[in-house]
Amino acid sequence: MAVKHTPTKEVHRGTKGGTTGCGFDTRVNATHWVNSNEKTTCSKNGCKN
């Protein structure tokens, strides 16, 4: 599953209400995060690898 950060349009590995692969907490500013089926665009460790 992927989660998209709407202000930056960056797609991370993870789910809304948890933590992304690279360590962002999606519960902080929860309105900025949406679940997505898009391809991961984050290039940080944990999301890309």
N, C-alpha and C. Protein backbone atom coordinates (compact mmCIF):
# COMPACT_ATOMS: atom_id res chain seq x y z
N MET A 1 0.85 -1.18 0.00
CA MET A 1 0.00 0.00 0.00
C MET A 1 0.89 1.23 0.00
N ALA A 2 0.37 2.29 -0.56
CA ALA A 2 1.11 3.54 -0.61
C ALA A 2 0.27 4.65 0.02
N VAL A 3 0.94 5.68 0.45
CA VAL A 3 0.28 6.85 1.02
C VAL A 3 0.88 8.09 0.37
N LYS A 4 0.03 9.03 -0.01
CA LYS A 4 0.48 10.23 -0.72
C LYS A 4 0.42 11.45 0.18
N HIS A 5 1.49 12.24 0.18
CA HIS A 5 1.53 13.50 0.91
C HIS A 5 1.02 14.57 -0.04
N THR A 6 -0.19 15.05 0.19
CA THR A 6 -0.85 15.93 -0.77
C THR A 6 -0.14 17.27 -1.02
N PRO A 7 0.47 17.93 -0.02
CA PRO A 7 1.14 19.20 -0.33
C PRO A 7 2.33 19.04 -1.28
N THR A 8 3.07 17.92 -1.17
CA THR A 8 4.26 17.74 -2.00
C THR A 8 4.02 16.80 -3.17
N LYS A 9 2.89 16.10 -3.16
CA LYS A 9 2.53 15.11 -4.20
C LYS A 9 3.48 13.91 -4.20
N GLU A 10 4.23 13.71 -3.11
CA GLU A 10 5.17 12.60 -3.02
C GLU A 10 4.45 11.36 -2.47
N VAL A 11 4.70 10.22 -3.08
CA VAL A 11 4.05 8.97 -2.69
C VAL A 11 5.06 8.11 -1.92
N HIS A 12 4.68 7.69 -0.73
CA HIS A 12 5.53 6.91 0.16
C HIS A 12 4.96 5.51 0.34
N ARG A 13 5.80 4.57 0.77
CA ARG A 13 5.33 3.23 1.14
C ARG A 13 4.78 3.33 2.56
N GLY A 14 3.60 2.79 2.79
CA GLY A 14 2.99 2.82 4.11
C GLY A 14 1.49 3.01 4.01
N THR A 15 0.86 3.32 5.14
CA THR A 15 -0.58 3.53 5.17
C THR A 15 -0.91 4.75 6.02
N LYS A 16 -2.05 5.36 5.75
CA LYS A 16 -2.50 6.49 6.55
C LYS A 16 -2.81 6.01 7.97
N GLY A 17 -2.42 6.79 8.96
CA GLY A 17 -2.63 6.40 10.35
C GLY A 17 -1.48 5.62 10.94
N GLY A 18 -0.38 5.56 10.21
CA GLY A 18 0.80 4.83 10.69
C GLY A 18 2.07 5.59 10.34
N THR A 19 3.09 4.85 9.98
CA THR A 19 4.38 5.44 9.64
C THR A 19 4.77 5.00 8.24
N THR A 20 5.36 5.90 7.47
CA THR A 20 5.81 5.54 6.13
C THR A 20 7.09 4.73 6.23
N GLY A 21 7.50 4.13 5.13
CA GLY A 21 8.72 3.34 5.10
C GLY A 21 9.95 4.12 5.51
N CYS A 22 9.96 5.43 5.20
CA CYS A 22 11.13 6.25 5.52
C CYS A 22 11.00 6.98 6.85
N GLY A 23 9.89 6.73 7.58
CA GLY A 23 9.81 7.22 8.95
C GLY A 23 8.87 8.38 9.22
N PHE A 24 8.15 8.91 8.24
CA PHE A 24 7.19 9.98 8.51
C PHE A 24 5.98 9.41 9.25
N ASP A 25 5.51 10.12 10.26
CA ASP A 25 4.31 9.73 11.00
C ASP A 25 3.11 10.37 10.32
N THR A 26 2.25 9.56 9.70
CA THR A 26 1.11 10.10 8.95
C THR A 26 -0.02 10.58 9.86
N ARG A 27 0.11 10.38 11.17
CA ARG A 27 -0.89 10.90 12.10
C ARG A 27 -0.66 12.38 12.39
N VAL A 28 0.55 12.88 12.14
CA VAL A 28 0.84 14.30 12.28
C VAL A 28 0.36 14.98 11.00
N ASN A 29 -0.48 16.00 11.12
CA ASN A 29 -1.11 16.64 9.96
C ASN A 29 -1.81 15.60 9.10
N ALA A 30 -2.66 14.80 9.70
CA ALA A 30 -3.31 13.68 9.03
C ALA A 30 -4.07 14.09 7.77
N THR A 31 -4.53 15.34 7.71
CA THR A 31 -5.27 15.79 6.52
C THR A 31 -4.36 15.93 5.31
N HIS A 32 -3.05 15.91 5.51
CA HIS A 32 -2.09 16.02 4.40
C HIS A 32 -1.79 14.67 3.76
N TRP A 33 -2.33 13.58 4.30
CA TRP A 33 -2.02 12.23 3.82
C TRP A 33 -3.26 11.53 3.31
N VAL A 34 -3.15 10.84 2.17
CA VAL A 34 -4.25 10.04 1.63
C VAL A 34 -3.70 8.70 1.16
N ASN A 35 -4.47 7.63 1.35
CA ASN A 35 -4.07 6.33 0.82
C ASN A 35 -4.11 6.39 -0.70
N SER A 36 -3.20 5.69 -1.34
CA SER A 36 -3.05 5.78 -2.79
C SER A 36 -2.65 4.43 -3.37
N ASN A 37 -2.95 4.24 -4.63
CA ASN A 37 -2.48 3.06 -5.36
C ASN A 37 -1.39 3.44 -6.35
N GLU A 38 -0.90 4.67 -6.27
CA GLU A 38 0.14 5.15 -7.17
C GLU A 38 1.49 4.51 -6.84
N LYS A 39 2.40 4.58 -7.79
CA LYS A 39 3.76 4.08 -7.61
C LYS A 39 4.51 4.97 -6.63
N THR A 40 5.30 4.36 -5.75
CA THR A 40 6.09 5.10 -4.77
C THR A 40 7.09 6.02 -5.48
N THR A 41 7.10 7.30 -5.08
CA THR A 41 8.03 8.27 -5.68
C THR A 41 9.10 8.73 -4.69
N CYS A 42 8.96 8.38 -3.42
CA CYS A 42 9.97 8.75 -2.41
C CYS A 42 11.24 7.95 -2.65
N SER A 43 12.39 8.62 -2.64
CA SER A 43 13.65 7.93 -2.91
C SER A 43 14.46 7.67 -1.65
N LYS A 44 13.85 7.88 -0.47
CA LYS A 44 14.57 7.66 0.79
C LYS A 44 14.55 6.18 1.17
N ASN A 45 15.55 5.76 1.96
CA ASN A 45 15.60 4.37 2.43
C ASN A 45 14.32 4.01 3.17
N GLY A 46 13.82 2.84 2.92
CA GLY A 46 12.59 2.37 3.54
C GLY A 46 11.40 2.48 2.61
N CYS A 47 11.36 3.52 1.81
CA CYS A 47 10.29 3.67 0.83
C CYS A 47 10.71 3.08 -0.51
N LYS A 48 11.87 3.46 -0.99
CA LYS A 48 12.32 3.00 -2.29
C LYS A 48 12.85 1.56 -2.25
N ASN A 49 13.51 1.21 -1.15
CA ASN A 49 14.14 -0.12 -1.06
C ASN A 49 13.22 -1.12 -0.43
